[in-house]
């Protein structure tokens, strides 16, 4: 079984960085939306990292927040 949550060393490897390079760049990466480690386990979610890379590369578009008022009015109109 391939784990989804991985330690920093494997998260670094996903970006083709050494652990030292990853640690040096982590704050900059997080400023750009890179997923944070789980506060309890300290592990990084590989799917979240892949999704971040897809958004960064333009393969997927970032989720756009929807106005809850517009959503509610649309639902009311469909009744």
C-alpha atoms as a PDB file:
ATOM      1  CA  UNK A   1       0.000   0.000   0.000  1.00  0.00           C
ATOM      2  CA  UNK A   2       1.301   3.466  -0.871  1.00  0.00           C
ATOM      3  CA  UNK A   3       0.809   5.898   2.002  1.00  0.00           C
ATOM      4  CA  UNK A   4      -0.886   9.196   1.215  1.00  0.00           C
ATOM      5  CA  UNK A   5       0.691  11.098   4.108  1.00  0.00           C
ATOM      6  CA  UNK A   6       4.469  11.197   3.995  1.00  0.00           C
ATOM      7  CA  UNK A   7       7.324  12.735   5.998  1.00  0.00           C
ATOM      8  CA  UNK A   8       9.071  15.895   4.841  1.00  0.00           C
ATOM      9  CA  UNK A   9      11.845  13.887   3.156  1.00  0.00           C
ATOM     10  CA  UNK A  10       9.372  12.230   0.764  1.00  0.00           C
ATOM     11  CA  UNK A  11       7.484  15.499   0.189  1.00  0.00           C
ATOM     12  CA  UNK A  12      10.844  17.015  -0.761  1.00  0.00           C
ATOM     13  CA  UNK A  13      11.546  14.152  -3.125  1.00  0.00           C
ATOM     14  CA  UNK A  14       8.173  14.767  -4.820  1.00  0.00           C
ATOM     15  CA  UNK A  15       9.517  18.234  -5.715  1.00  0.00           C
ATOM     16  CA  UNK A  16      12.892  16.772  -6.691  1.00  0.00           C
ATOM     17  CA  UNK A  17      14.573  18.551  -3.766  1.00  0.00           C
ATOM     18  CA  UNK A  18      16.840  17.348  -1.005  1.00  0.00           C
ATOM     19  CA  UNK A  19      15.433  17.593   2.501  1.00  0.00           C
ATOM     20  CA  UNK A  20      17.749  20.547   3.218  1.00  0.00           C
ATOM     21  CA  UNK A  21      16.600  22.361   0.052  1.00  0.00           C
ATOM     22  CA  UNK A  22      12.944  21.642   0.891  1.00  0.00           C
ATOM     23  CA  UNK A  23      13.304  22.959   4.439  1.00  0.00           C
ATOM     24  CA  UNK A  24      15.054  26.099   3.176  1.00  0.00           C
ATOM     25  CA  UNK A  25      12.294  26.785   0.628  1.00  0.00           C
ATOM     26  CA  UNK A  26       9.256  25.616   2.625  1.00  0.00           C
ATOM     27  CA  UNK A  27       8.099  29.034   3.853  1.00  0.00           C
ATOM     28  CA  UNK A  28       8.320  30.447   0.331  1.00  0.00           C
ATOM     29  CA  UNK A  29       6.438  27.437  -1.025  1.00  0.00           C
ATOM     30  CA  UNK A  30       3.729  27.832   1.634  1.00  0.00           C
ATOM     31  CA  UNK A  31       3.399  31.522   0.768  1.00  0.00           C
ATOM     32  CA  UNK A  32       2.509  30.275  -2.722  1.00  0.00           C
ATOM     33  CA  UNK A  33      -0.146  27.884  -1.390  1.00  0.00           C
ATOM     34  CA  UNK A  34       1.910  24.734  -0.853  1.00  0.00           C
ATOM     35  CA  UNK A  35       0.012  22.483   1.579  1.00  0.00           C
ATOM     36  CA  UNK A  36       1.085  22.549   5.191  1.00  0.00           C
ATOM     37  CA  UNK A  37       1.991  19.458   7.170  1.00  0.00           C
ATOM     38  CA  UNK A  38      -0.659  17.907   9.395  1.00  0.00           C
ATOM     39  CA  UNK A  39      -0.363  19.594  12.807  1.00  0.00           C
ATOM     40  CA  UNK A  40      -0.634  16.281  14.692  1.00  0.00           C
ATOM     41  CA  UNK A  41       1.480  13.927  12.593  1.00  0.00           C
ATOM     42  CA  UNK A  42       3.787  16.373  10.833  1.00  0.00           C
ATOM     43  CA  UNK A  43       3.133  14.476   7.593  1.00  0.00           C
ATOM     44  CA  UNK A  44       2.457  15.999   4.162  1.00  0.00           C
ATOM     45  CA  UNK A  45      -0.472  14.871   1.977  1.00  0.00           C
ATOM     46  CA  UNK A  46       0.838  13.735  -1.421  1.00  0.00           C
ATOM     47  CA  UNK A  47      -2.540  14.285  -3.116  1.00  0.00           C
ATOM     48  CA  UNK A  48      -2.603  17.865  -1.827  1.00  0.00           C
ATOM     49  CA  UNK A  49       0.934  18.379  -3.115  1.00  0.00           C
ATOM     50  CA  UNK A  50      -0.028  16.988  -6.534  1.00  0.00           C
ATOM     51  CA  UNK A  51      -3.147  19.208  -6.641  1.00  0.00           C
ATOM     52  CA  UNK A  52      -0.983  22.245  -5.759  1.00  0.00           C
ATOM     53  CA  UNK A  53       1.452  21.376  -8.553  1.00  0.00           C
ATOM     54  CA  UNK A  54      -1.448  20.966 -11.006  1.00  0.00           C
ATOM     55  CA  UNK A  55      -2.826  24.414 -10.092  1.00  0.00           C
ATOM     56  CA  UNK A  56       0.649  25.954 -10.239  1.00  0.00           C
ATOM     57  CA  UNK A  57       1.245  24.518 -13.688  1.00  0.00           C
ATOM     58  CA  UNK A  58      -2.176  25.575 -14.971  1.00  0.00           C
ATOM     59  CA  UNK A  59      -3.385  21.993 -15.408  1.00  0.00           C
ATOM     60  CA  UNK A  60      -6.361  22.739 -13.171  1.00  0.00           C
ATOM     61  CA  UNK A  61      -7.938  26.003 -12.188  1.00  0.00           C
ATOM     62  CA  UNK A  62      -8.181  27.029  -8.541  1.00  0.00           C
ATOM     63  CA  UNK A  63     -11.569  26.554  -6.945  1.00  0.00           C
ATOM     64  CA  UNK A  64     -13.477  29.785  -6.995  1.00  0.00           C
ATOM     65  CA  UNK A  65     -15.489  30.718  -3.937  1.00  0.00           C
ATOM     66  CA  UNK A  66     -19.182  30.981  -4.608  1.00  0.00           C
ATOM     67  CA  UNK A  67     -21.332  33.716  -3.131  1.00  0.00           C
ATOM     68  CA  UNK A  68     -23.695  31.954  -0.716  1.00  0.00           C
ATOM     69  CA  UNK A  69     -26.438  34.490  -1.461  1.00  0.00           C
ATOM     70  CA  UNK A  70     -26.276  33.648  -5.180  1.00  0.00           C
ATOM     71  CA  UNK A  71     -26.359  29.923  -4.398  1.00  0.00           C
ATOM     72  CA  UNK A  72     -29.420  30.356  -2.155  1.00  0.00           C
ATOM     73  CA  UNK A  73     -31.237  32.529  -4.693  1.00  0.00           C
ATOM     74  CA  UNK A  74     -30.496  29.984  -7.420  1.00  0.00           C
ATOM     75  CA  UNK A  75     -31.910  27.187  -5.297  1.00  0.00           C
ATOM     76  CA  UNK A  76     -35.015  29.216  -4.484  1.00  0.00           C
ATOM     77  CA  UNK A  77     -35.527  29.963  -8.188  1.00  0.00           C
ATOM     78  CA  UNK A  78     -35.394  26.229  -8.956  1.00  0.00           C
ATOM     79  CA  UNK A  79     -38.185  25.402  -6.480  1.00  0.00           C
END
